[in-house]
C-alpha atoms as a PDB file:
ATOM      1  CA  MET A   1      35.391  38.335 -38.746  1.00  0.00           C
ATOM      2  CA  CYS A   2      31.592  40.114 -39.468  1.00  0.00           C
ATOM      3  CA  LEU A   3      30.660  37.013 -41.861  1.00  0.00           C
ATOM      4  CA  ALA A   4      31.550  34.859 -38.905  1.00  0.00           C
ATOM      5  CA  ARG A   5      29.899  36.775 -35.961  1.00  0.00           C
ATOM      6  CA  THR A   6      26.645  36.987 -38.274  1.00  0.00           C
ATOM      7  CA  TYR A   7      26.140  33.388 -38.923  1.00  0.00           C
ATOM      8  CA  ILE A   8      26.790  32.871 -35.508  1.00  0.00           C
ATOM      9  CA  LEU A   9      24.194  34.952 -34.351  1.00  0.00           C
ATOM     10  CA  ARG A  10      21.590  33.447 -36.683  1.00  0.00           C
ATOM     11  CA  GLU A  11      22.987  29.778 -35.596  1.00  0.00           C
ATOM     12  CA  LYS A  12      21.521  30.742 -32.410  1.00  0.00           C
ATOM     13  CA  MET A  13      18.368  32.513 -33.665  1.00  0.00           C
ATOM     14  CA  THR A  14      17.444  29.355 -35.097  1.00  0.00           C
ATOM     15  CA  GLU A  15      17.746  27.797 -31.600  1.00  0.00           C
ATOM     16  CA  VAL A  16      15.224  29.514 -29.939  1.00  0.00           C
ATOM     17  CA  VAL A  17      12.570  29.641 -33.120  1.00  0.00           C
ATOM     18  CA  MET A  18       9.290  29.109 -31.039  1.00  0.00           C
ATOM     19  CA  ARG A  19       6.833  25.974 -32.430  1.00  0.00           C
ATOM     20  CA  PRO A  20       3.809  26.964 -31.061  1.00  0.00           C
ATOM     21  CA  ASN A  21       1.429  24.769 -33.492  1.00  0.00           C
ATOM     22  CA  ALA A  22       4.064  21.562 -32.721  1.00  0.00           C
ATOM     23  CA  LYS A  23       3.061  18.247 -32.323  1.00  0.00           C
ATOM     24  CA  PRO A  24       4.460  17.386 -28.722  1.00  0.00           C
ATOM     25  CA  ASP A  25       4.773  13.467 -28.294  1.00  0.00           C
ATOM     26  CA  VAL A  26       3.026  12.479 -25.669  1.00  0.00           C
ATOM     27  CA  ARG A  27       3.587   9.418 -22.834  1.00  0.00           C
ATOM     28  CA  GLY A  28       1.148   8.764 -20.283  1.00  0.00           C
ATOM     29  CA  PHE A  29       1.459   6.523 -17.504  1.00  0.00           C
ATOM     30  CA  PHE A  30      -1.683   5.180 -15.907  1.00  0.00           C
ATOM     31  CA  ASP A  31      -2.014   4.709 -11.990  1.00  0.00           C
ATOM     32  CA  ASP A  32      -4.182   1.650 -11.654  1.00  0.00           C
ATOM     33  CA  ALA A  33      -4.510   2.538  -7.721  1.00  0.00           C
ATOM     34  CA  THR A  34      -6.386   6.248  -8.391  1.00  0.00           C
ATOM     35  CA  ASN A  35      -7.312   6.113 -12.194  1.00  0.00           C
ATOM     36  CA  THR A  36      -4.752   8.738 -12.353  1.00  0.00           C
ATOM     37  CA  VAL A  37      -2.829   9.575 -15.909  1.00  0.00           C
ATOM     38  CA  THR A  38       0.571  11.379 -15.701  1.00  0.00           C
ATOM     39  CA  PHE A  39       1.961  12.392 -19.400  1.00  0.00           C
ATOM     40  CA  VAL A  40       5.599  13.068 -20.160  1.00  0.00           C
ATOM     41  CA  VAL A  41       5.155  15.599 -22.701  1.00  0.00           C
ATOM     42  CA  LYS A  42       8.030  16.367 -25.046  1.00  0.00           C
ATOM     43  CA  ASP A  43       8.842  18.443 -27.563  1.00  0.00           C
ATOM     44  CA  PRO A  44       9.558  16.829 -30.387  1.00  0.00           C
ATOM     45  CA  GLY A  45      12.471  19.128 -31.330  1.00  0.00           C
ATOM     46  CA  SER A  46      14.812  18.483 -28.281  1.00  0.00           C
ATOM     47  CA  ASN A  47      15.377  16.692 -25.187  1.00  0.00           C
ATOM     48  CA  THR A  48      13.412  18.654 -23.631  1.00  0.00           C
ATOM     49  CA  CYS A  49      10.116  17.645 -21.463  1.00  0.00           C
ATOM     50  CA  ALA A  50       7.219  18.838 -18.744  1.00  0.00           C
ATOM     51  CA  ILE A  51       5.824  16.263 -16.293  1.00  0.00           C
ATOM     52  CA  VAL A  52       1.604  16.953 -16.266  1.00  0.00           C
ATOM     53  CA  ASP A  53      -0.081  15.450 -12.538  1.00  0.00           C
ATOM     54  CA  SER A  54       2.411  13.327 -10.932  1.00  0.00           C
ATOM     55  CA  VAL A  55       1.202  10.381  -8.589  1.00  0.00           C
ATOM     56  CA  LEU A  56       2.583   9.672  -5.118  1.00  0.00           C
ATOM     57  CA  ASP A  57       1.311   5.987  -3.782  1.00  0.00           C
ATOM     58  CA  PHE A  58       0.121   6.065  -0.547  1.00  0.00           C
ATOM     59  CA  ASP A  59      -1.387   3.370   1.459  1.00  0.00           C
ATOM     60  CA  TYR A  60      -4.542   5.001   3.799  1.00  0.00           C
ATOM     61  CA  ALA A  61      -4.580   2.369   6.471  1.00  0.00           C
ATOM     62  CA  SER A  62      -0.568   2.450   6.918  1.00  0.00           C
ATOM     63  CA  GLY A  63      -0.275   6.033   6.050  1.00  0.00           C
ATOM     64  CA  ARG A  64       2.693   4.825   4.222  1.00  0.00           C
ATOM     65  CA  THR A  65       3.452   6.564   1.140  1.00  0.00           C
ATOM     66  CA  ASP A  66       5.847   5.021  -2.056  1.00  0.00           C
ATOM     67  CA  THR A  67       7.364   6.257  -5.180  1.00  0.00           C
ATOM     68  CA  GLN A  68       6.479   3.298  -7.117  1.00  0.00           C
ATOM     69  CA  SER A  69       4.287   5.104  -9.735  1.00  0.00           C
ATOM     70  CA  ALA A  70       6.775   7.796 -10.201  1.00  0.00           C
ATOM     71  CA  ASP A  71       9.685   5.763 -10.409  1.00  0.00           C
ATOM     72  CA  ARG A  72       8.167   4.032 -13.221  1.00  0.00           C
ATOM     73  CA  VAL A  73       7.901   7.981 -14.641  1.00  0.00           C
ATOM     74  CA  ILE A  74      11.454   8.620 -14.021  1.00  0.00           C
ATOM     75  CA  ALA A  75      12.961   5.363 -15.436  1.00  0.00           C
ATOM     76  CA  HIS A  76      11.681   6.454 -18.786  1.00  0.00           C
ATOM     77  CA  VAL A  77      12.563  10.136 -18.690  1.00  0.00           C
ATOM     78  CA  ARG A  78      15.761   8.962 -17.794  1.00  0.00           C
ATOM     79  CA  ASP A  79      15.926   6.520 -20.423  1.00  0.00           C
ATOM     80  CA  VAL A  80      15.185   8.616 -23.157  1.00  0.00           C
ATOM     81  CA  GLY A  81      17.442  10.847 -21.745  1.00  0.00           C
ATOM     82  CA  LEU A  82      15.264  13.993 -21.012  1.00  0.00           C
ATOM     83  CA  ASP A  83      15.304  17.094 -19.328  1.00  0.00           C
ATOM     84  CA  VAL A  84      12.897  17.871 -17.219  1.00  0.00           C
ATOM     85  CA  ALA A  85      11.428  21.700 -17.631  1.00  0.00           C
ATOM     86  CA  TRP A  86       8.274  21.984 -16.098  1.00  0.00           C
ATOM     87  CA  ILE A  87       6.322  19.920 -13.071  1.00  0.00           C
ATOM     88  CA  LEU A  88       2.632  20.669 -13.991  1.00  0.00           C
ATOM     89  CA  GLU A  89      -0.538  20.150 -11.950  1.00  0.00           C
ATOM     90  CA  THR A  90      -3.908  21.522 -13.489  1.00  0.00           C
ATOM     91  CA  HIS A  91      -5.527  21.808 -10.081  1.00  0.00           C
ATOM     92  CA  VAL A  92      -4.793  20.587  -6.376  1.00  0.00           C
ATOM     93  CA  HIS A  93      -6.168  17.215  -6.978  1.00  0.00           C
ATOM     94  CA  ALA A  94      -8.652  14.892  -4.107  1.00  0.00           C
ATOM     95  CA  ASP A  95      -8.155  11.655  -5.141  1.00  0.00           C
ATOM     96  CA  HIS A  96      -4.342  11.122  -5.106  1.00  0.00           C
ATOM     97  CA  LEU A  97      -1.554  12.881  -3.968  1.00  0.00           C
ATOM     98  CA  SER A  98       1.050  14.809  -6.125  1.00  0.00           C
ATOM     99  CA  ALA A  99       4.726  13.736  -6.148  1.00  0.00           C
ATOM    100  CA  ALA A 100       5.782  16.833  -7.488  1.00  0.00           C
ATOM    101  CA  PRO A 101       8.607  17.507  -4.952  1.00  0.00           C
ATOM    102  CA  TYR A 102      10.181  14.129  -5.477  1.00  0.00           C
ATOM    103  CA  PHE A 103      10.257  13.999  -9.235  1.00  0.00           C
ATOM    104  CA  GLN A 104      11.863  17.752  -8.865  1.00  0.00           C
ATOM    105  CA  GLN A 105      14.445  16.199  -6.444  1.00  0.00           C
ATOM    106  CA  GLN A 106      15.341  13.618  -8.784  1.00  0.00           C
ATOM    107  CA  LEU A 107      15.066  14.999 -12.310  1.00  0.00           C
ATOM    108  CA  GLY A 108      14.419  18.979 -11.733  1.00  0.00           C
ATOM    109  CA  GLY A 109      12.206  21.614 -12.901  1.00  0.00           C
ATOM    110  CA  LYS A 110       9.917  24.047 -11.882  1.00  0.00           C
ATOM    111  CA  ILE A 111       6.060  23.298 -10.194  1.00  0.00           C
ATOM    112  CA  GLY A 112       3.546  25.737 -11.867  1.00  0.00           C
ATOM    113  CA  ILE A 113      -0.314  25.474 -11.014  1.00  0.00           C
ATOM    114  CA  GLY A 114      -2.768  28.098 -11.255  1.00  0.00           C
ATOM    115  CA  GLU A 115      -2.657  31.080  -9.524  1.00  0.00           C
ATOM    116  CA  LYS A 116      -6.309  30.865  -8.016  1.00  0.00           C
ATOM    117  CA  ILE A 117      -4.767  28.251  -5.689  1.00  0.00           C
ATOM    118  CA  THR A 118      -4.680  30.966  -3.398  1.00  0.00           C
ATOM    119  CA  VAL A 119      -8.467  30.260  -3.032  1.00  0.00           C
ATOM    120  CA  VAL A 120      -7.884  26.793  -2.272  1.00  0.00           C
ATOM    121  CA  GLN A 121      -5.407  27.054   0.510  1.00  0.00           C
ATOM    122  CA  ASP A 122      -7.998  29.548   2.400  1.00  0.00           C
ATOM    123  CA  THR A 123     -10.611  27.135   1.841  1.00  0.00           C
ATOM    124  CA  PHE A 124      -8.916  23.922   2.936  1.00  0.00           C
ATOM    125  CA  GLY A 125      -6.115  25.690   5.386  1.00  0.00           C
ATOM    126  CA  LYS A 126      -9.550  27.248   7.324  1.00  0.00           C
ATOM    127  CA  ILE A 127     -11.242  23.188   7.143  1.00  0.00           C
ATOM    128  CA  PHE A 128      -7.921  21.601   8.499  1.00  0.00           C
ATOM    129  CA  ASN A 129      -7.088  24.673  11.167  1.00  0.00           C
ATOM    130  CA  GLU A 130      -3.601  25.055   9.550  1.00  0.00           C
ATOM    131  CA  GLY A 131      -3.208  28.260  11.334  1.00  0.00           C
ATOM    132  CA  THR A 132      -0.927  31.169  10.234  1.00  0.00           C
ATOM    133  CA  GLU A 133       2.096  29.174   9.881  1.00  0.00           C
ATOM    134  CA  PHE A 134       0.319  27.644   6.496  1.00  0.00           C
ATOM    135  CA  GLN A 135       1.253  30.237   4.041  1.00  0.00           C
ATOM    136  CA  ARG A 136      -2.118  31.293   1.378  1.00  0.00           C
ATOM    137  CA  ASP A 137      -0.235  33.142  -1.060  1.00  0.00           C
ATOM    138  CA  GLY A 138       0.923  30.011  -3.198  1.00  0.00           C
ATOM    139  CA  SER A 139       5.006  30.299  -2.116  1.00  0.00           C
ATOM    140  CA  GLN A 140       5.105  26.668  -1.838  1.00  0.00           C
ATOM    141  CA  PHE A 141       5.246  26.328  -5.916  1.00  0.00           C
ATOM    142  CA  ASP A 142       7.736  27.858  -8.464  1.00  0.00           C
ATOM    143  CA  GLN A 143       4.884  29.306 -10.594  1.00  0.00           C
ATOM    144  CA  LEU A 144       1.882  30.625 -10.228  1.00  0.00           C
ATOM    145  CA  PHE A 145      -0.215  30.593 -14.073  1.00  0.00           C
ATOM    146  CA  LYS A 146      -3.065  33.038 -14.924  1.00  0.00           C
ATOM    147  CA  GLU A 147      -5.392  33.083 -18.120  1.00  0.00           C
ATOM    148  CA  GLY A 148      -3.052  33.744 -21.070  1.00  0.00           C
ATOM    149  CA  ASP A 149       0.039  33.387 -19.680  1.00  0.00           C
ATOM    150  CA  THR A 150       2.887  30.977 -21.747  1.00  0.00           C
ATOM    151  CA  PHE A 151       5.695  29.428 -20.867  1.00  0.00           C
ATOM    152  CA  GLU A 152       8.545  26.992 -23.145  1.00  0.00           C
ATOM    153  CA  ILE A 153       9.513  23.495 -23.002  1.00  0.00           C
ATOM    154  CA  GLY A 154      12.331  23.558 -24.961  1.00  0.00           C
ATOM    155  CA  ALA A 155      11.295  25.232 -28.120  1.00  0.00           C
ATOM    156  CA  LEU A 156       7.768  24.277 -27.876  1.00  0.00           C
ATOM    157  CA  LYS A 157       5.202  26.274 -26.821  1.00  0.00           C
ATOM    158  CA  GLY A 158       2.731  25.964 -24.396  1.00  0.00           C
ATOM    159  CA  SER A 159      -0.747  28.594 -23.220  1.00  0.00           C
ATOM    160  CA  VAL A 160      -2.673  28.804 -19.966  1.00  0.00           C
ATOM    161  CA  LEU A 161      -6.542  28.368 -20.501  1.00  0.00           C
ATOM    162  CA  HIS A 162      -8.057  29.004 -16.376  1.00  0.00           C
ATOM    163  CA  THR A 163     -10.646  26.412 -16.587  1.00  0.00           C
ATOM    164  CA  PRO A 164     -12.493  26.608 -13.305  1.00  0.00           C
ATOM    165  CA  GLY A 165     -15.414  24.579 -12.092  1.00  0.00           C
ATOM    166  CA  HIS A 166     -14.276  20.911 -10.569  1.00  0.00           C
ATOM    167  CA  THR A 167     -12.440  23.682  -8.609  1.00  0.00           C
ATOM    168  CA  PRO A 168     -11.047  27.600  -8.980  1.00  0.00           C
ATOM    169  CA  ALA A 169      -7.705  26.608  -9.571  1.00  0.00           C
ATOM    170  CA  CYS A 170      -8.110  23.957 -12.775  1.00  0.00           C
ATOM    171  CA  LEU A 171      -6.295  25.108 -15.666  1.00  0.00           C
ATOM    172  CA  THR A 172      -5.919  23.574 -19.309  1.00  0.00           C
ATOM    173  CA  TYR A 173      -2.648  23.623 -20.425  1.00  0.00           C
ATOM    174  CA  VAL A 174      -2.304  23.968 -23.897  1.00  0.00           C
ATOM    175  CA  ILE A 175       0.647  22.621 -25.447  1.00  0.00           C
ATOM    176  CA  GLY A 176       1.628  22.675 -29.214  1.00  0.00           C
ATOM    177  CA  ASP A 177      -1.867  20.606 -30.656  1.00  0.00           C
ATOM    178  CA  ALA A 178      -2.048  19.066 -27.142  1.00  0.00           C
ATOM    179  CA  ALA A 179      -4.541  20.270 -24.624  1.00  0.00           C
ATOM    180  CA  PHE A 180      -4.433  18.922 -20.873  1.00  0.00           C
ATOM    181  CA  VAL A 181      -7.294  19.011 -18.898  1.00  0.00           C
ATOM    182  CA  GLY A 182      -7.204  17.704 -15.815  1.00  0.00           C
ATOM    183  CA  ASP A 183     -10.373  16.305 -14.514  1.00  0.00           C
ATOM    184  CA  THR A 184     -12.318  19.387 -16.448  1.00  0.00           C
ATOM    185  CA  LEU A 185     -13.377  16.729 -19.231  1.00  0.00           C
ATOM    186  CA  PHE A 186     -13.189  12.945 -19.062  1.00  0.00           C
ATOM    187  CA  MET A 187     -13.425  10.536 -22.298  1.00  0.00           C
ATOM    188  CA  PRO A 188     -16.639  11.269 -24.247  1.00  0.00           C
ATOM    189  CA  ASP A 189     -18.283   8.373 -23.037  1.00  0.00           C
ATOM    190  CA  PHE A 190     -17.634   8.897 -19.882  1.00  0.00           C
ATOM    191  CA  GLY A 191     -18.396  12.587 -19.307  1.00  0.00           C
ATOM    192  CA  THR A 192     -17.016  15.427 -17.034  1.00  0.00           C
ATOM    193  CA  ALA A 193     -15.479  16.175 -13.297  1.00  0.00           C
ATOM    194  CA  ARG A 194     -17.985  16.518 -10.313  1.00  0.00           C
ATOM    195  CA  THR A 195     -18.283  20.170  -9.153  1.00  0.00           C
ATOM    196  CA  ASP A 196     -19.473  19.380  -5.232  1.00  0.00           C
ATOM    197  CA  PHE A 197     -16.383  20.454  -3.691  1.00  0.00           C
ATOM    198  CA  PRO A 198     -15.958  23.643  -1.997  1.00  0.00           C
ATOM    199  CA  GLY A 199     -15.431  26.265  -4.798  1.00  0.00           C
ATOM    200  CA  GLY A 200     -16.935  24.241  -7.293  1.00  0.00           C
ATOM    201  CA  SER A 201     -19.865  25.482  -9.597  1.00  0.00           C
ATOM    202  CA  ALA A 202     -21.675  22.736 -12.226  1.00  0.00           C
ATOM    203  CA  GLU A 203     -22.821  26.519 -14.410  1.00  0.00           C
ATOM    204  CA  THR A 204     -18.746  27.701 -14.083  1.00  0.00           C
ATOM    205  CA  LEU A 205     -17.512  24.184 -15.091  1.00  0.00           C
ATOM    206  CA  PHE A 206     -19.913  24.584 -17.988  1.00  0.00           C
ATOM    207  CA  ALA A 207     -18.457  28.104 -19.116  1.00  0.00           C
ATOM    208  CA  SER A 208     -14.458  26.447 -18.968  1.00  0.00           C
ATOM    209  CA  ILE A 209     -15.517  23.610 -21.108  1.00  0.00           C
ATOM    210  CA  GLN A 210     -17.108  25.565 -23.865  1.00  0.00           C
ATOM    211  CA  LYS A 211     -13.499  27.348 -23.805  1.00  0.00           C
ATOM    212  CA  ILE A 212     -12.081  24.322 -24.546  1.00  0.00           C
ATOM    213  CA  LEU A 213     -14.140  23.068 -27.090  1.00  0.00           C
ATOM    214  CA  THR A 214     -13.277  26.612 -29.116  1.00  0.00           C
ATOM    215  CA  LEU A 215      -9.785  25.190 -29.554  1.00  0.00           C
ATOM    216  CA  PRO A 216      -9.521  23.642 -33.295  1.00  0.00           C
ATOM    217  CA  ASP A 217     -10.891  20.111 -33.717  1.00  0.00           C
ATOM    218  CA  ASP A 218      -7.895  18.533 -34.431  1.00  0.00           C
ATOM    219  CA  THR A 219      -6.663  19.357 -30.999  1.00  0.00           C
ATOM    220  CA  ARG A 220      -5.623  16.238 -28.720  1.00  0.00           C
ATOM    221  CA  VAL A 221      -7.077  16.312 -25.531  1.00  0.00           C
ATOM    222  CA  PHE A 222      -5.603  14.456 -22.596  1.00  0.00           C
ATOM    223  CA  VAL A 223      -7.514  13.528 -19.821  1.00  0.00           C
ATOM    224  CA  GLY A 224      -6.716  13.133 -16.158  1.00  0.00           C
ATOM    225  CA  HIS A 225      -8.680  10.472 -15.309  1.00  0.00           C
ATOM    226  CA  ASP A 226      -9.934   7.374 -16.992  1.00  0.00           C
ATOM    227  CA  TYR A 227     -12.931   4.998 -15.258  1.00  0.00           C
ATOM    228  CA  LYS A 228     -13.463   2.662 -18.476  1.00  0.00           C
ATOM    229  CA  ALA A 229     -17.051   3.711 -19.224  1.00  0.00           C
ATOM    230  CA  PRO A 230     -19.597   0.666 -19.298  1.00  0.00           C
ATOM    231  CA  GLY A 231     -19.181  -1.019 -22.414  1.00  0.00           C
ATOM    232  CA  ARG A 232     -15.411  -0.354 -22.815  1.00  0.00           C
ATOM    233  CA  ASP A 233     -12.577  -2.867 -22.183  1.00  0.00           C
ATOM    234  CA  GLU A 234      -9.680  -0.644 -22.506  1.00  0.00           C
ATOM    235  CA  TYR A 235      -8.661   2.465 -20.365  1.00  0.00           C
ATOM    236  CA  ALA A 236      -7.955   5.187 -22.562  1.00  0.00           C
ATOM    237  CA  TRP A 237      -7.111   8.972 -21.967  1.00  0.00           C
ATOM    238  CA  GLU A 238      -6.596  10.946 -25.577  1.00  0.00           C
ATOM    239  CA  THR A 239      -9.029  12.113 -27.681  1.00  0.00           C
ATOM    240  CA  THR A 240      -9.683  15.342 -29.733  1.00  0.00           C
ATOM    241  CA  VAL A 241     -12.036  18.477 -29.047  1.00  0.00           C
ATOM    242  CA  ALA A 242     -14.373  17.335 -32.710  1.00  0.00           C
ATOM    243  CA  GLU A 243     -14.349  13.983 -30.578  1.00  0.00           C
ATOM    244  CA  GLU A 244     -15.584  15.785 -27.250  1.00  0.00           C
ATOM    245  CA  ARG A 245     -17.916  18.388 -28.855  1.00  0.00           C
ATOM    246  CA  ALA A 246     -19.471  15.824 -31.034  1.00  0.00           C
ATOM    247  CA  ARG A 247     -19.829  12.670 -28.491  1.00  0.00           C
ATOM    248  CA  ASN A 248     -19.436  13.389 -24.842  1.00  0.00           C
ATOM    249  CA  VAL A 249     -22.434  12.311 -23.258  1.00  0.00           C
ATOM    250  CA  HIS A 250     -22.564  15.311 -20.580  1.00  0.00           C
ATOM    251  CA  VAL A 251     -21.787  18.645 -23.354  1.00  0.00           C
ATOM    252  CA  GLY A 252     -21.793  17.291 -26.178  1.00  0.00           C
ATOM    253  CA  ALA A 253     -23.902  17.423 -29.146  1.00  0.00           C
ATOM    254  CA  GLY A 254     -25.448  21.002 -28.585  1.00  0.00           C
ATOM    255  CA  LYS A 255     -26.285  20.443 -24.974  1.00  0.00           C
ATOM    256  CA  SER A 256     -27.678  23.519 -22.934  1.00  0.00           C
ATOM    257  CA  ALA A 257     -26.061  24.900 -20.237  1.00  0.00           C
ATOM    258  CA  GLU A 258     -29.307  24.367 -18.311  1.00  0.00           C
ATOM    259  CA  GLU A 259     -29.195  20.889 -19.018  1.00  0.00           C
ATOM    260  CA  PHE A 260     -25.655  20.588 -17.813  1.00  0.00           C
ATOM    261  CA  VAL A 261     -26.442  21.846 -14.515  1.00  0.00           C
ATOM    262  CA  LYS A 262     -29.333  19.895 -13.757  1.00  0.00           C
ATOM    263  CA  MET A 263     -27.519  16.628 -14.738  1.00  0.00           C
ATOM    264  CA  ARG A 264     -24.169  17.655 -13.187  1.00  0.00           C
ATOM    265  CA  ASN A 265     -26.021  18.688  -9.408  1.00  0.00           C
ATOM    266  CA  ALA A 266     -28.138  15.552  -9.756  1.00  0.00           C
ATOM    267  CA  ARG A 267     -25.633  13.118 -10.462  1.00  0.00           C
ATOM    268  CA  ASP A 268     -22.968  15.011  -7.683  1.00  0.00           C
ATOM    269  CA  ALA A 269     -25.451  14.549  -5.337  1.00  0.00           C
ATOM    270  CA  THR A 270     -25.189  11.002  -5.453  1.00  0.00           C
ATOM    271  CA  LEU A 271     -21.299  10.463  -5.079  1.00  0.00           C
ATOM    272  CA  GLY A 272     -19.260  10.098  -2.274  1.00  0.00           C
ATOM    273  CA  MET A 273     -16.238  11.703  -1.418  1.00  0.00           C
ATOM    274  CA  PRO A 274     -12.881   9.833  -3.045  1.00  0.00           C
ATOM    275  CA  LYS A 275     -11.503   7.984  -0.900  1.00  0.00           C
ATOM    276  CA  LEU A 276      -7.843   9.566  -0.112  1.00  0.00           C
ATOM    277  CA  ILE A 277      -9.909  13.605  -0.408  1.00  0.00           C
ATOM    278  CA  VAL A 278      -8.588  13.907   3.342  1.00  0.00           C
ATOM    279  CA  PRO A 279      -4.756  13.323   2.750  1.00  0.00           C
ATOM    280  CA  SER A 280      -4.684  15.276  -0.891  1.00  0.00           C
ATOM    281  CA  LEU A 281      -5.857  18.112   0.361  1.00  0.00           C
ATOM    282  CA  GLN A 282      -3.486  18.625   2.840  1.00  0.00           C
ATOM    283  CA  VAL A 283      -0.799  17.425   0.403  1.00  0.00           C
ATOM    284  CA  ASN A 284      -1.548  19.068  -2.803  1.00  0.00           C
ATOM    285  CA  MET A 285      -2.347  22.456  -1.341  1.00  0.00           C
ATOM    286  CA  ARG A 286       1.638  22.400  -0.164  1.00  0.00           C
ATOM    287  CA  ALA A 287       2.336  21.623  -3.611  1.00  0.00           C
ATOM    288  CA  GLY A 288       3.217  17.804  -2.718  1.00  0.00           C
ATOM    289  CA  GLN A 289       5.312  18.150   0.334  1.00  0.00           C
ATOM    290  CA  MET A 290       3.810  16.755   3.791  1.00  0.00           C
ATOM    291  CA  PRO A 291       2.749  18.910   6.458  1.00  0.00           C
ATOM    292  CA  PRO A 292       5.647  20.073   8.881  1.00  0.00           C
ATOM    293  CA  PRO A 293       7.108  17.634  11.786  1.00  0.00           C
ATOM    294  CA  GLU A 294       5.262  18.234  14.845  1.00  0.00           C
ATOM    295  CA  ASP A 295       7.237  18.185  18.201  1.00  0.00           C
ATOM    296  CA  ASP A 296       8.496  14.267  18.503  1.00  0.00           C
ATOM    297  CA  GLY A 297       9.518  14.579  14.592  1.00  0.00           C
ATOM    298  CA  SER A 298       6.708  12.762  12.925  1.00  0.00           C
ATOM    299  CA  THR A 299       4.866  14.405  10.524  1.00  0.00           C
ATOM    300  CA  TYR A 300       0.450  14.221  10.837  1.00  0.00           C
ATOM    301  CA  LEU A 301      -2.343  14.433   8.684  1.00  0.00           C
ATOM    302  CA  LYS A 302      -5.964  15.452  10.159  1.00  0.00           C
ATOM    303  CA  VAL A 303      -8.997  13.899   9.497  1.00  0.00           C
ATOM    304  CA  PRO A 304     -11.545  16.941   9.761  1.00  0.00           C
ATOM    305  CA  VAL A 305     -15.051  15.566  11.500  1.00  0.00           C
ATOM    306  CA  ASN A 306     -18.027  16.230   9.806  1.00  0.00           C
ATOM    307  CA  LYS A 307     -16.471  19.291   7.645  1.00  0.00           C
ATOM    308  CA  LEU A 308     -16.426  17.603   3.998  1.00  0.00           C
END
């Protein structure tokens, strides 16, 4: 009897052994309309996965949403027979709407983002005049992550780096040998994210990038967007820390903080606002939920005049 019980306990212990250095299976889904990549990150030892940076289709001219992009990802998850543990946001995106609630409804999982979402909510709650009914405590999300937090995808261990600069709430999720950097870094031939949104900072972004570049050289880096740098024919979203450190056109080859800040600020001054920034911010700061319906039962998105 005792021997049988010992055997069972050992079996259970084996099932929950964490693999912090495992190589997750990563599948990227590219959204042409917003140049966004949604990632399905699977534990190689089980059918458990996470979804990083989902996309809800939105036609600004008509104000209509669609789930075509999300449904491609959902079809893959169901076809492979995956169980979703997490729906992760690297930050409050300004260029696309999150489909996190739709994914959660269809597949389950907990929605996570950085704890500094409260800073973003406070900033844009004022810009969009949201009033006191809009909670600015991050309670719309299931999990608020801070630097050093860990989480599990099956037996795969993930950890959190706070990498602000593009926005105050930006995170990098390090899952096994893979780092999901959102908009902090792009492919080496394209560079880095803009820092001119409210709460952004070129100095802060440079420091955050250095944190990412201290990861092991062979760490796979998955970027949240790609725009095909001049001379490149195909979209790409996977590189390595070694490649970013050596060849990133904005921060690679030992470029100094002073050089980067001067370049980044000058470049940002030439950029227009993303075409979906107004709806994206209002939705994404609510964890992908639309603003509450008004008296007529319809949902409306505001356009602040001369505020962005």
